[in-house]
Amino acid sequence: MQSDCESCLLLQGQKMLGKYNISSGRSNNIIDRFNRFMDENRNNGLLTPEAACFLHRLIKKETNTDDLYEKEKEEYNQLMLNLEKDVRKRIDKSANPFQTALRYALAGNVIDFGPPEPFDVLETLATAAMKIPAIDHSEILYKELKNASMVLYLGDNAGEIVLDKIFISVIDHPNLWFATRGAPVINDATMEDAKKVRMSDVAQVISNGYDAPSTLEKHCSPEFKKLFDEADIIISKGQGNLEGLMGNNQKEIYFLLMVKCDVIASMLNVPRGSFMVFNIRHLRDQTAKYRMYKK
């Protein structure tokens, strides 16, 4: 875990504590406990999502709030549901519905209350269909989906999952599973969010059984692990899932995300804001970067 990631988490924590008007004394106590946790685990292969999970549990307990971004999640779920028909029409009229739906799904990844920078989902959607991914293995993904017996789609954020739902409907695979987080963390999608956007209309839905803003295999439920092991293709949305799964060299994982921070941008050698569609085995020339990140 890099120092920049730790600093970013501290900013996230301070933002959430301010959101709930936690006093400076209580806030300092939370930050002190987080810093002690980092001192004890920083050099033990700690992943950023593991640290984020610990921090969010502290804040949820301190605020006596299970879902720290409940209102924001509801707002963005509804916003994207209101846009769903229009986005579907644009996709249906496009020359390549798979590519267009994919880019809208990528644009949806901008809905993230983790990074400190503000975002504008409507502005991002306005240019999504024309934005070419900086690294693009989507044609390979398209071909491999045709031969896959089972597909597992790892969701990321509330609101965003409406665009995932549209993309999944275009994929139109008979055995596709959509996975949510096991409990609220940041604005990540849970089973409740999946129900709200009617994800079950296009996919079978499962919780991963854990409350990290990522997919951390060792902590996930047995039911989820079984699906993960059996999936021929895994589609992984967002930076959080990327951080948790980059070290997995056993599965056929396609990472779909918008690059939101300098750490990931540097690691992948692309500008911030880039759309990305990639499979690690097709990036063997960047092996050194991945190895360095894993350390």
C-alpha atoms as a PDB file:
ATOM      1  CA  MET A   1       0.000   0.000   0.000  1.00  0.00           C
ATOM      2  CA  GLN A   2       1.460   3.340  -1.040  1.00  0.00           C
ATOM      3  CA  SER A   3       1.685   6.411   1.191  1.00  0.00           C
ATOM      4  CA  ASP A   4      -0.507   8.402  -1.212  1.00  0.00           C
ATOM      5  CA  CYS A   5      -3.282   5.839  -0.690  1.00  0.00           C
ATOM      6  CA  GLU A   6      -3.008   6.229   3.077  1.00  0.00           C
ATOM      7  CA  SER A   7      -3.231  10.011   2.767  1.00  0.00           C
ATOM      8  CA  CYS A   8      -6.291   9.668   0.537  1.00  0.00           C
ATOM      9  CA  LEU A   9      -8.001   7.423   3.093  1.00  0.00           C
ATOM     10  CA  LEU A  10      -7.350   9.969   5.827  1.00  0.00           C
ATOM     11  CA  LEU A  11      -9.000  12.643   3.687  1.00  0.00           C
ATOM     12  CA  GLN A  12     -11.974  10.337   3.144  1.00  0.00           C
ATOM     13  CA  GLY A  13     -12.226   9.746   6.869  1.00  0.00           C
ATOM     14  CA  GLN A  14     -12.077  13.432   7.701  1.00  0.00           C
ATOM     15  CA  LYS A  15     -14.751  14.152   5.093  1.00  0.00           C
ATOM     16  CA  MET A  16     -17.107  11.561   6.579  1.00  0.00           C
ATOM     17  CA  LEU A  17     -16.484  12.728  10.140  1.00  0.00           C
ATOM     18  CA  GLY A  18     -17.263  16.281   9.051  1.00  0.00           C
ATOM     19  CA  LYS A  19     -20.388  15.094   7.252  1.00  0.00           C
ATOM     20  CA  TYR A  20     -21.741  13.765  10.542  1.00  0.00           C
ATOM     21  CA  ASN A  21     -20.542  16.744  12.627  1.00  0.00           C
ATOM     22  CA  ILE A  22     -18.317  14.612  14.830  1.00  0.00           C
ATOM     23  CA  SER A  23     -16.455  16.751  17.374  1.00  0.00           C
ATOM     24  CA  SER A  24     -12.749  17.374  16.936  1.00  0.00           C
ATOM     25  CA  GLY A  25     -11.934  15.290  20.010  1.00  0.00           C
ATOM     26  CA  ARG A  26     -13.884  12.272  18.806  1.00  0.00           C
ATOM     27  CA  SER A  27     -12.545  12.732  15.273  1.00  0.00           C
ATOM     28  CA  ASN A  28      -8.969  12.830  16.510  1.00  0.00           C
ATOM     29  CA  ASN A  29      -9.593   9.612  18.437  1.00  0.00           C
ATOM     30  CA  ILE A  30     -10.787   7.885  15.250  1.00  0.00           C
ATOM     31  CA  ILE A  31      -7.797   9.132  13.276  1.00  0.00           C
ATOM     32  CA  ASP A  32      -5.418   8.041  16.054  1.00  0.00           C
ATOM     33  CA  ARG A  33      -6.901   4.534  16.054  1.00  0.00           C
ATOM     34  CA  PHE A  34      -6.592   4.374  12.281  1.00  0.00           C
ATOM     35  CA  ASN A  35      -2.965   5.529  12.435  1.00  0.00           C
ATOM     36  CA  ARG A  36      -2.167   2.853  15.032  1.00  0.00           C
ATOM     37  CA  PHE A  37      -3.772   0.234  12.781  1.00  0.00           C
ATOM     38  CA  MET A  38      -1.620   1.435   9.890  1.00  0.00           C
ATOM     39  CA  ASP A  39       1.550   1.367  11.990  1.00  0.00           C
ATOM     40  CA  GLU A  40       0.821  -2.245  12.938  1.00  0.00           C
ATOM     41  CA  ASN A  41      -0.096  -3.437   9.434  1.00  0.00           C
ATOM     42  CA  ARG A  42       1.499  -1.108   6.896  1.00  0.00           C
ATOM     43  CA  ASN A  43       4.430  -3.410   6.183  1.00  0.00           C
ATOM     44  CA  ASN A  44       2.475  -6.671   6.250  1.00  0.00           C
ATOM     45  CA  GLY A  45       1.114  -6.631   2.711  1.00  0.00           C
ATOM     46  CA  LEU A  46      -1.921  -4.534   3.672  1.00  0.00           C
ATOM     47  CA  LEU A  47      -4.126  -3.629   0.703  1.00  0.00           C
ATOM     48  CA  THR A  48      -5.782  -0.225   0.430  1.00  0.00           C
ATOM     49  CA  PRO A  49      -9.327  -1.714   0.530  1.00  0.00           C
ATOM     50  CA  GLU A  50      -8.454  -3.537   3.772  1.00  0.00           C
ATOM     51  CA  ALA A  51      -7.390  -0.260   5.367  1.00  0.00           C
ATOM     52  CA  ALA A  52     -10.503   1.451   4.001  1.00  0.00           C
ATOM     53  CA  CYS A  53     -12.683  -1.282   5.486  1.00  0.00           C
ATOM     54  CA  PHE A  54     -11.142  -0.776   8.940  1.00  0.00           C
ATOM     55  CA  LEU A  55     -11.579   3.008   8.749  1.00  0.00           C
ATOM     56  CA  HIS A  56     -15.199   2.819   7.654  1.00  0.00           C
ATOM     57  CA  ARG A  57     -16.054   0.380  10.422  1.00  0.00           C
ATOM     58  CA  LEU A  58     -14.605   2.819  12.955  1.00  0.00           C
ATOM     59  CA  ILE A  59     -16.661   5.691  11.576  1.00  0.00           C
ATOM     60  CA  LYS A  60     -19.867   3.667  11.287  1.00  0.00           C
ATOM     61  CA  LYS A  61     -19.526   2.679  14.942  1.00  0.00           C
ATOM     62  CA  GLU A  62     -18.721   6.228  16.037  1.00  0.00           C
ATOM     63  CA  THR A  63     -21.687   7.709  14.148  1.00  0.00           C
ATOM     64  CA  ASN A  64     -24.017   4.783  14.904  1.00  0.00           C
ATOM     65  CA  THR A  65     -24.777   4.760  11.170  1.00  0.00           C
ATOM     66  CA  ASP A  66     -24.780   1.593   9.094  1.00  0.00           C
ATOM     67  CA  ASP A  67     -24.823   3.331   5.701  1.00  0.00           C
ATOM     68  CA  LEU A  68     -22.792   6.547   5.715  1.00  0.00           C
ATOM     69  CA  TYR A  69     -23.839   7.535   2.183  1.00  0.00           C
ATOM     70  CA  GLU A  70     -27.399   6.215   2.181  1.00  0.00           C
ATOM     71  CA  LYS A  71     -28.996   9.440   0.897  1.00  0.00           C
ATOM     72  CA  GLU A  72     -26.378   9.944  -1.805  1.00  0.00           C
ATOM     73  CA  LYS A  73     -26.787   6.361  -2.986  1.00  0.00           C
ATOM     74  CA  GLU A  74     -30.554   6.762  -3.200  1.00  0.00           C
ATOM     75  CA  GLU A  75     -30.097  10.027  -5.103  1.00  0.00           C
ATOM     76  CA  TYR A  76     -27.761   8.560  -7.714  1.00  0.00           C
ATOM     77  CA  ASN A  77     -29.717   5.344  -8.094  1.00  0.00           C
ATOM     78  CA  GLN A  78     -32.795   7.412  -8.882  1.00  0.00           C
ATOM     79  CA  LEU A  79     -30.908   9.828 -11.145  1.00  0.00           C
ATOM     80  CA  MET A  80     -29.564   7.005 -13.262  1.00  0.00           C
ATOM     81  CA  LEU A  81     -32.918   5.202 -13.317  1.00  0.00           C
ATOM     82  CA  ASN A  82     -34.428   8.428 -14.667  1.00  0.00           C
ATOM     83  CA  LEU A  83     -31.819   8.397 -17.460  1.00  0.00           C
ATOM     84  CA  GLU A  84     -32.057   4.671 -18.183  1.00  0.00           C
ATOM     85  CA  LYS A  85     -34.512   4.845 -21.087  1.00  0.00           C
ATOM     86  CA  ASP A  86     -32.596   7.630 -22.814  1.00  0.00           C
ATOM     87  CA  VAL A  87     -29.271   5.808 -22.487  1.00  0.00           C
ATOM     88  CA  ARG A  88     -30.839   2.609 -23.820  1.00  0.00           C
ATOM     89  CA  LYS A  89     -32.158   4.493 -26.860  1.00  0.00           C
ATOM     90  CA  ARG A  90     -28.700   5.904 -27.601  1.00  0.00           C
ATOM     91  CA  ILE A  91     -27.194   2.436 -27.346  1.00  0.00           C
ATOM     92  CA  ASP A  92     -29.859   0.841 -29.537  1.00  0.00           C
ATOM     93  CA  LYS A  93     -29.317   3.475 -32.241  1.00  0.00           C
ATOM     94  CA  SER A  94     -25.528   3.163 -32.178  1.00  0.00           C
ATOM     95  CA  ALA A  95     -23.499   1.271 -34.765  1.00  0.00           C
ATOM     96  CA  ASN A  96     -22.021  -1.014 -32.102  1.00  0.00           C
ATOM     97  CA  PRO A  97     -24.317  -1.463 -29.077  1.00  0.00           C
ATOM     98  CA  PHE A  98     -21.749  -3.560 -27.164  1.00  0.00           C
ATOM     99  CA  GLN A  99     -19.061  -0.871 -27.403  1.00  0.00           C
ATOM    100  CA  THR A 100     -21.483   1.953 -26.675  1.00  0.00           C
ATOM    101  CA  ALA A 101     -23.010   0.207 -23.658  1.00  0.00           C
ATOM    102  CA  LEU A 102     -19.513  -0.601 -22.403  1.00  0.00           C
ATOM    103  CA  ARG A 103     -18.480   3.056 -22.548  1.00  0.00           C
ATOM    104  CA  TYR A 104     -21.573   4.178 -20.684  1.00  0.00           C
ATOM    105  CA  ALA A 105     -20.816   1.556 -18.039  1.00  0.00           C
ATOM    106  CA  LEU A 106     -17.278   2.939 -17.816  1.00  0.00           C
ATOM    107  CA  ALA A 107     -18.626   6.487 -17.499  1.00  0.00           C
ATOM    108  CA  GLY A 108     -20.796   5.377 -14.594  1.00  0.00           C
ATOM    109  CA  ASN A 109     -17.669   4.551 -12.630  1.00  0.00           C
ATOM    110  CA  VAL A 110     -17.212   8.290 -12.048  1.00  0.00           C
ATOM    111  CA  ILE A 111     -19.934   8.092  -9.349  1.00  0.00           C
ATOM    112  CA  ASP A 112     -17.606   7.662  -6.394  1.00  0.00           C
ATOM    113  CA  PHE A 113     -17.604   9.449  -3.038  1.00  0.00           C
ATOM    114  CA  GLY A 114     -14.247   7.950  -2.076  1.00  0.00           C
ATOM    115  CA  PRO A 115     -11.818  10.239  -3.935  1.00  0.00           C
ATOM    116  CA  PRO A 116     -11.674  13.819  -2.608  1.00  0.00           C
ATOM    117  CA  GLU A 117     -12.292  15.412  -6.016  1.00  0.00           C
ATOM    118  CA  PRO A 118     -15.867  16.282  -7.070  1.00  0.00           C
ATOM    119  CA  PHE A 119     -17.402  14.581 -10.089  1.00  0.00           C
ATOM    120  CA  ASP A 120     -20.049  15.422 -12.696  1.00  0.00           C
ATOM    121  CA  VAL A 121     -21.795  12.292 -13.925  1.00  0.00           C
ATOM    122  CA  LEU A 122     -23.960  14.110 -16.475  1.00  0.00           C
ATOM    123  CA  GLU A 123     -20.940  15.748 -18.088  1.00  0.00           C
ATOM    124  CA  THR A 124     -19.114  12.410 -18.159  1.00  0.00           C
ATOM    125  CA  LEU A 125     -22.100  10.657 -19.734  1.00  0.00           C
ATOM    126  CA  ALA A 126     -22.419  13.366 -22.386  1.00  0.00           C
ATOM    127  CA  THR A 127     -19.078  12.403 -23.922  1.00  0.00           C
ATOM    128  CA  ALA A 128     -18.947   8.728 -22.939  1.00  0.00           C
ATOM    129  CA  ALA A 129     -19.921   7.199 -26.278  1.00  0.00           C
ATOM    130  CA  MET A 130     -17.062   8.977 -28.059  1.00  0.00           C
ATOM    131  CA  LYS A 131     -14.361   8.295 -25.469  1.00  0.00           C
ATOM    132  CA  ILE A 132     -11.908   5.569 -26.457  1.00  0.00           C
ATOM    133  CA  PRO A 133     -10.324   3.589 -23.581  1.00  0.00           C
ATOM    134  CA  ALA A 134      -6.612   4.245 -23.086  1.00  0.00           C
ATOM    135  CA  ILE A 135      -6.059   0.488 -22.880  1.00  0.00           C
ATOM    136  CA  ASP A 136      -8.743  -1.456 -24.683  1.00  0.00           C
ATOM    137  CA  HIS A 137      -9.159  -5.222 -24.663  1.00  0.00           C
ATOM    138  CA  SER A 138     -12.904  -4.982 -25.237  1.00  0.00           C
ATOM    139  CA  GLU A 139     -12.839  -6.858 -28.542  1.00  0.00           C
ATOM    140  CA  ILE A 140     -11.127  -9.786 -26.841  1.00  0.00           C
ATOM    141  CA  LEU A 141     -13.670  -9.596 -24.021  1.00  0.00           C
ATOM    142  CA  TYR A 142     -16.517  -9.621 -26.540  1.00  0.00           C
ATOM    143  CA  LYS A 143     -15.201 -12.766 -28.217  1.00  0.00           C
ATOM    144  CA  GLU A 144     -14.482 -14.565 -24.949  1.00  0.00           C
ATOM    145  CA  LEU A 145     -17.952 -13.815 -23.587  1.00  0.00           C
ATOM    146  CA  LYS A 146     -19.406 -15.788 -26.493  1.00  0.00           C
ATOM    147  CA  ASN A 147     -17.629 -18.940 -25.293  1.00  0.00           C
ATOM    148  CA  ALA A 148     -18.057 -18.483 -21.534  1.00  0.00           C
ATOM    149  CA  SER A 149     -20.287 -20.901 -19.649  1.00  0.00           C
ATOM    150  CA  MET A 150     -20.586 -18.562 -16.675  1.00  0.00           C
ATOM    151  CA  VAL A 151     -19.799 -14.869 -16.201  1.00  0.00           C
ATOM    152  CA  LEU A 152     -19.355 -13.064 -12.878  1.00  0.00           C
ATOM    153  CA  TYR A 153     -19.741  -9.272 -12.942  1.00  0.00           C
ATOM    154  CA  LEU A 154     -18.334  -7.494  -9.880  1.00  0.00           C
ATOM    155  CA  GLY A 155     -20.217  -4.265  -9.262  1.00  0.00           C
ATOM    156  CA  ASP A 156     -18.817  -1.102  -7.733  1.00  0.00           C
ATOM    157  CA  ASN A 157     -20.952   1.941  -6.947  1.00  0.00           C
ATOM    158  CA  ALA A 158     -24.624   2.728  -6.483  1.00  0.00           C
ATOM    159  CA  GLY A 159     -26.041   4.652  -9.437  1.00  0.00           C
ATOM    160  CA  GLU A 160     -23.294   3.243 -11.621  1.00  0.00           C
ATOM    161  CA  ILE A 161     -25.000  -0.128 -11.416  1.00  0.00           C
ATOM    162  CA  VAL A 162     -27.878   1.136 -13.574  1.00  0.00           C
ATOM    163  CA  LEU A 163     -25.371   1.494 -16.414  1.00  0.00           C
ATOM    164  CA  ASP A 164     -23.920  -1.911 -15.525  1.00  0.00           C
ATOM    165  CA  LYS A 165     -27.440  -3.282 -15.807  1.00  0.00           C
ATOM    166  CA  ILE A 166     -27.788  -1.832 -19.311  1.00  0.00           C
ATOM    167  CA  PHE A 167     -24.405  -3.228 -20.357  1.00  0.00           C
ATOM    168  CA  ILE A 168     -25.317  -6.641 -18.953  1.00  0.00           C
ATOM    169  CA  SER A 169     -28.551  -6.600 -20.942  1.00  0.00           C
ATOM    170  CA  VAL A 170     -26.515  -5.991 -24.101  1.00  0.00           C
ATOM    171  CA  ILE A 171     -24.097  -8.800 -23.202  1.00  0.00           C
ATOM    172  CA  ASP A 172     -27.217 -10.972 -22.930  1.00  0.00           C
ATOM    173  CA  HIS A 173     -25.488 -13.994 -21.393  1.00  0.00           C
ATOM    174  CA  PRO A 174     -27.724 -16.827 -20.110  1.00  0.00           C
ATOM    175  CA  ASN A 175     -25.619 -17.464 -16.993  1.00  0.00           C
ATOM    176  CA  LEU A 176     -24.362 -14.136 -15.691  1.00  0.00           C
ATOM    177  CA  TRP A 177     -24.108 -13.246 -12.004  1.00  0.00           C
ATOM    178  CA  PHE A 178     -23.846  -9.739 -10.589  1.00  0.00           C
ATOM    179  CA  ALA A 179     -22.074  -9.327  -7.224  1.00  0.00           C
ATOM    180  CA  THR A 180     -22.556  -6.545  -4.691  1.00  0.00           C
ATOM    181  CA  ARG A 181     -20.754  -5.677  -1.453  1.00  0.00           C
ATOM    182  CA  GLY A 182     -21.775  -7.579   1.647  1.00  0.00           C
ATOM    183  CA  ALA A 183     -22.649  -4.422   3.612  1.00  0.00           C
ATOM    184  CA  PRO A 184     -22.582  -0.647   3.075  1.00  0.00           C
ATOM    185  CA  VAL A 185     -19.172   0.970   2.584  1.00  0.00           C
ATOM    186  CA  ILE A 186     -18.667   4.409   0.987  1.00  0.00           C
ATOM    187  CA  ASN A 187     -21.261   4.545  -1.831  1.00  0.00           C
ATOM    188  CA  ASP A 188     -20.599   1.006  -3.032  1.00  0.00           C
ATOM    189  CA  ALA A 189     -23.602  -0.990  -4.195  1.00  0.00           C
ATOM    190  CA  THR A 190     -25.242  -3.516  -1.875  1.00  0.00           C
ATOM    191  CA  MET A 191     -28.019  -6.040  -2.436  1.00  0.00           C
ATOM    192  CA  GLU A 192     -30.512  -3.309  -1.517  1.00  0.00           C
ATOM    193  CA  ASP A 193     -29.185  -1.097  -4.320  1.00  0.00           C
ATOM    194  CA  ALA A 194     -29.317  -3.989  -6.778  1.00  0.00           C
ATOM    195  CA  LYS A 195     -32.946  -4.549  -5.810  1.00  0.00           C
ATOM    196  CA  LYS A 196     -33.690  -0.840  -6.214  1.00  0.00           C
ATOM    197  CA  VAL A 197     -32.439  -0.786  -9.822  1.00  0.00           C
ATOM    198  CA  ARG A 198     -33.993  -4.183 -10.657  1.00  0.00           C
ATOM    199  CA  MET A 199     -30.678  -5.845 -11.451  1.00  0.00           C
ATOM    200  CA  SER A 200     -32.384  -9.233 -11.213  1.00  0.00           C
ATOM    201  CA  ASP A 201     -34.132  -8.430 -14.511  1.00  0.00           C
ATOM    202  CA  VAL A 202     -30.851  -9.074 -16.343  1.00  0.00           C
ATOM    203  CA  ALA A 203     -28.677 -11.158 -13.993  1.00  0.00           C
ATOM    204  CA  GLN A 204     -28.654 -13.412 -10.986  1.00  0.00           C
ATOM    205  CA  VAL A 205     -27.541 -11.357  -7.982  1.00  0.00           C
ATOM    206  CA  ILE A 206     -25.306 -12.304  -5.058  1.00  0.00           C
ATOM    207  CA  SER A 207     -23.572 -10.490  -2.195  1.00  0.00           C
ATOM    208  CA  ASN A 208     -19.839 -11.083  -1.831  1.00  0.00           C
ATOM    209  CA  GLY A 209     -20.376 -11.318   1.925  1.00  0.00           C
ATOM    210  CA  TYR A 210     -17.869  -8.675   3.030  1.00  0.00           C
ATOM    211  CA  ASP A 211     -17.883  -4.925   3.656  1.00  0.00           C
ATOM    212  CA  ALA A 212     -14.630  -3.810   2.042  1.00  0.00           C
ATOM    213  CA  PRO A 213     -14.860  -1.426  -0.946  1.00  0.00           C
ATOM    214  CA  SER A 214     -13.388  -4.197  -3.080  1.00  0.00           C
ATOM    215  CA  THR A 215     -13.463  -7.929  -3.699  1.00  0.00           C
ATOM    216  CA  LEU A 216     -11.105  -9.504  -1.167  1.00  0.00           C
ATOM    217  CA  GLU A 217     -11.364 -13.216  -1.900  1.00  0.00           C
ATOM    218  CA  LYS A 218     -10.092 -14.457   1.466  1.00  0.00           C
ATOM    219  CA  HIS A 219     -12.879 -12.591   3.291  1.00  0.00           C
ATOM    220  CA  CYS A 220     -15.778 -13.352   0.937  1.00  0.00           C
ATOM    221  CA  SER A 221     -18.597 -15.783   1.648  1.00  0.00           C
ATOM    222  CA  PRO A 222     -18.314 -19.467   0.639  1.00  0.00           C
ATOM    223  CA  GLU A 223     -21.204 -19.000  -1.792  1.00  0.00           C
ATOM    224  CA  PHE A 224     -19.442 -16.127  -3.521  1.00  0.00           C
ATOM    225  CA  LYS A 225     -16.081 -17.914  -3.567  1.00  0.00           C
ATOM    226  CA  LYS A 226     -17.708 -20.873  -5.316  1.00  0.00           C
ATOM    227  CA  LEU A 227     -19.076 -18.620  -8.050  1.00  0.00           C
ATOM    228  CA  PHE A 228     -15.753 -16.815  -8.319  1.00  0.00           C
ATOM    229  CA  ASP A 229     -13.906 -20.110  -8.762  1.00  0.00           C
ATOM    230  CA  GLU A 230     -16.390 -21.431 -11.323  1.00  0.00           C
ATOM    231  CA  ALA A 231     -16.661 -18.303 -13.486  1.00  0.00           C
ATOM    232  CA  ASP A 232     -15.021 -18.485 -16.913  1.00  0.00           C
ATOM    233  CA  ILE A 233     -14.955 -14.706 -17.229  1.00  0.00           C
ATOM    234  CA  ILE A 234     -14.915 -12.136 -14.426  1.00  0.00           C
ATOM    235  CA  ILE A 235     -15.762  -8.525 -15.227  1.00  0.00           C
ATOM    236  CA  SER A 236     -14.416  -6.318 -12.448  1.00  0.00           C
ATOM    237  CA  LYS A 237     -15.682  -2.739 -12.162  1.00  0.00           C
ATOM    238  CA  GLY A 238     -13.781   0.093 -10.533  1.00  0.00           C
ATOM    239  CA  GLN A 239     -10.490   0.856  -8.820  1.00  0.00           C
ATOM    240  CA  GLY A 240     -11.459  -0.809  -5.555  1.00  0.00           C
ATOM    241  CA  ASN A 241     -11.955  -4.178  -7.211  1.00  0.00           C
ATOM    242  CA  LEU A 242      -8.751  -3.625  -9.181  1.00  0.00           C
ATOM    243  CA  GLU A 243      -6.798  -3.069  -5.966  1.00  0.00           C
ATOM    244  CA  GLY A 244      -8.174  -6.254  -4.456  1.00  0.00           C
ATOM    245  CA  LEU A 245      -7.741  -8.517  -7.476  1.00  0.00           C
ATOM    246  CA  MET A 246      -4.603  -7.397  -9.285  1.00  0.00           C
ATOM    247  CA  GLY A 247      -2.597 -10.138  -7.632  1.00  0.00           C
ATOM    248  CA  ASN A 248      -4.898 -12.880  -8.944  1.00  0.00           C
ATOM    249  CA  ASN A 249      -3.176 -14.607 -11.843  1.00  0.00           C
ATOM    250  CA  GLN A 250      -5.449 -17.650 -11.859  1.00  0.00           C
ATOM    251  CA  LYS A 251      -8.686 -16.169 -13.159  1.00  0.00           C
ATOM    252  CA  GLU A 252      -9.679 -14.562 -16.448  1.00  0.00           C
ATOM    253  CA  ILE A 253     -10.424 -11.070 -15.117  1.00  0.00           C
ATOM    254  CA  TYR A 254     -11.281  -8.035 -17.224  1.00  0.00           C
ATOM    255  CA  PHE A 255     -10.921  -4.770 -15.326  1.00  0.00           C
ATOM    256  CA  LEU A 256     -13.299  -1.977 -16.359  1.00  0.00           C
ATOM    257  CA  LEU A 257     -12.743   1.391 -14.716  1.00  0.00           C
ATOM    258  CA  MET A 258     -12.147   5.090 -14.905  1.00  0.00           C
ATOM    259  CA  VAL A 259      -8.719   6.049 -13.550  1.00  0.00           C
ATOM    260  CA  LYS A 260      -9.325   8.445 -10.650  1.00  0.00           C
ATOM    261  CA  CYS A 261      -5.988   8.865  -8.906  1.00  0.00           C
ATOM    262  CA  ASP A 262      -2.305   9.408  -9.608  1.00  0.00           C
ATOM    263  CA  VAL A 263      -1.284   6.066  -8.072  1.00  0.00           C
ATOM    264  CA  ILE A 264      -3.369   4.018 -10.517  1.00  0.00           C
ATOM    265  CA  ALA A 265      -2.554   6.376 -13.394  1.00  0.00           C
ATOM    266  CA  SER A 266       1.175   5.943 -12.790  1.00  0.00           C
ATOM    267  CA  MET A 267       0.867   2.191 -12.340  1.00  0.00           C
ATOM    268  CA  LEU A 268      -0.948   1.777 -15.659  1.00  0.00           C
ATOM    269  CA  ASN A 269       0.970   4.580 -17.387  1.00  0.00           C
ATOM    270  CA  VAL A 270      -2.175   6.431 -18.477  1.00  0.00           C
ATOM    271  CA  PRO A 271      -3.638   9.880 -17.696  1.00  0.00           C
ATOM    272  CA  ARG A 272      -6.128  10.371 -14.886  1.00  0.00           C
ATOM    273  CA  GLY A 273      -9.672  10.222 -16.181  1.00  0.00           C
ATOM    274  CA  SER A 274      -8.849   7.496 -18.701  1.00  0.00           C
ATOM    275  CA  PHE A 275     -11.308   4.717 -19.441  1.00  0.00           C
ATOM    276  CA  MET A 276      -9.694   1.285 -19.088  1.00  0.00           C
ATOM    277  CA  VAL A 277     -10.705  -2.175 -20.318  1.00  0.00           C
ATOM    278  CA  PHE A 278      -7.921  -4.665 -19.741  1.00  0.00           C
ATOM    279  CA  ASN A 279      -6.937  -8.184 -18.845  1.00  0.00           C
ATOM    280  CA  ILE A 280      -3.623  -8.526 -17.027  1.00  0.00           C
ATOM    281  CA  ARG A 281      -2.419 -11.423 -19.159  1.00  0.00           C
ATOM    282  CA  HIS A 282      -2.575  -9.088 -22.165  1.00  0.00           C
ATOM    283  CA  LEU A 283      -0.326  -6.608 -20.383  1.00  0.00           C
ATOM    284  CA  ARG A 284       2.762  -8.752 -19.890  1.00  0.00           C
ATOM    285  CA  ASP A 285       4.980  -5.845 -20.850  1.00  0.00           C
ATOM    286  CA  GLN A 286       3.826  -4.117 -17.646  1.00  0.00           C
ATOM    287  CA  THR A 287       4.610  -7.036 -15.331  1.00  0.00           C
ATOM    288  CA  ALA A 288       7.184  -5.019 -13.415  1.00  0.00           C
ATOM    289  CA  LYS A 289       4.612  -2.355 -12.569  1.00  0.00           C
ATOM    290  CA  TYR A 290       2.153  -4.893 -11.199  1.00  0.00           C
ATOM    291  CA  ARG A 291       4.852  -6.630  -9.203  1.00  0.00           C
ATOM    292  CA  MET A 292       5.924  -3.318  -7.691  1.00  0.00           C
ATOM    293  CA  TYR A 293       2.320  -2.446  -6.773  1.00  0.00           C
ATOM    294  CA  LYS A 294       1.742  -5.833  -5.144  1.00  0.00           C
ATOM    295  CA  LYS A 295       4.665  -5.215  -2.798  1.00  0.00           C
END
